Amino acid sequence: MHGLKLEDAKYYQKGGKLEIGLASVAYCEGLLDALRLLGVVKFSW
């Protein structure tokens, strides 16, 4: 999943839509945090 969002961010960056690229990365970070809080995955920042 994170790889897809990274590719999305790169795509939007190349198109000059930096806000959308940043939103894509932030969305992925939120999903990862939610999974960590639910105990589905374990990692630390």
C-alpha atoms as a PDB file:
ATOM      1  CA  MET A   1       0.000   0.000   0.000  1.00  0.00           C
ATOM      2  CA  HIS A   2       2.670   2.509   0.985  1.00  0.00           C
ATOM      3  CA  GLY A   3       4.452   1.940  -2.321  1.00  0.00           C
ATOM      4  CA  LEU A   4       1.335   2.867  -4.230  1.00  0.00           C
ATOM      5  CA  LYS A   5       0.882   6.075  -2.257  1.00  0.00           C
ATOM      6  CA  LEU A   6       4.536   6.952  -2.808  1.00  0.00           C
ATOM      7  CA  GLU A   7       4.043   6.490  -6.540  1.00  0.00           C
ATOM      8  CA  ASP A   8       0.925   8.681  -6.332  1.00  0.00           C
ATOM      9  CA  ALA A   9       2.929  11.395  -4.592  1.00  0.00           C
ATOM     10  CA  LYS A  10       5.663  11.258  -7.248  1.00  0.00           C
ATOM     11  CA  TYR A  11       3.055  11.421  -9.993  1.00  0.00           C
ATOM     12  CA  TYR A  12       1.429  14.526  -8.536  1.00  0.00           C
ATOM     13  CA  GLN A  13       4.811  16.138  -7.871  1.00  0.00           C
ATOM     14  CA  LYS A  14       5.778  15.745 -11.525  1.00  0.00           C
ATOM     15  CA  GLY A  15       2.454  17.296 -12.507  1.00  0.00           C
ATOM     16  CA  GLY A  16       3.090  20.296 -10.266  1.00  0.00           C
ATOM     17  CA  LYS A  17       0.316  19.363  -7.843  1.00  0.00           C
ATOM     18  CA  LEU A  18       2.441  19.348  -4.697  1.00  0.00           C
ATOM     19  CA  GLU A  19      -0.504  19.724  -2.305  1.00  0.00           C
ATOM     20  CA  ILE A  20      -2.141  16.570  -3.620  1.00  0.00           C
ATOM     21  CA  GLY A  21       1.162  14.685  -3.414  1.00  0.00           C
ATOM     22  CA  LEU A  22       1.583  15.734   0.202  1.00  0.00           C
ATOM     23  CA  ALA A  23      -2.005  14.741   0.972  1.00  0.00           C
ATOM     24  CA  SER A  24      -1.341  11.298  -0.514  1.00  0.00           C
ATOM     25  CA  VAL A  25       1.671  10.759   1.748  1.00  0.00           C
ATOM     26  CA  ALA A  26      -0.205  12.085   4.799  1.00  0.00           C
ATOM     27  CA  TYR A  27      -3.105   9.724   4.059  1.00  0.00           C
ATOM     28  CA  CYS A  28      -0.738   6.763   3.998  1.00  0.00           C
ATOM     29  CA  GLU A  29       0.866   7.865   7.275  1.00  0.00           C
ATOM     30  CA  GLY A  30      -2.582   8.041   8.863  1.00  0.00           C
ATOM     31  CA  LEU A  31      -3.423   4.530   7.700  1.00  0.00           C
ATOM     32  CA  LEU A  32      -0.152   3.198   9.087  1.00  0.00           C
ATOM     33  CA  ASP A  33      -0.767   4.929  12.431  1.00  0.00           C
ATOM     34  CA  ALA A  34      -4.267   3.474  12.629  1.00  0.00           C
ATOM     35  CA  LEU A  35      -2.996  -0.046  11.944  1.00  0.00           C
ATOM     36  CA  ARG A  36      -0.276   0.403  14.567  1.00  0.00           C
ATOM     37  CA  LEU A  37      -2.761   1.633  17.180  1.00  0.00           C
ATOM     38  CA  LEU A  38      -5.045  -1.319  16.434  1.00  0.00           C
ATOM     39  CA  GLY A  39      -2.110  -3.676  16.966  1.00  0.00           C
ATOM     40  CA  VAL A  40      -2.236  -4.994  13.407  1.00  0.00           C
ATOM     41  CA  VAL A  41       1.367  -3.959  12.691  1.00  0.00           C
ATOM     42  CA  LYS A  42       4.289  -3.107  14.917  1.00  0.00           C
ATOM     43  CA  PHE A  43       6.810  -0.376  14.130  1.00  0.00           C
ATOM     44  CA  SER A  44       8.086   2.880  15.551  1.00  0.00           C
ATOM     45  CA  TRP A  45       8.737   6.200  13.906  1.00  0.00           C
END
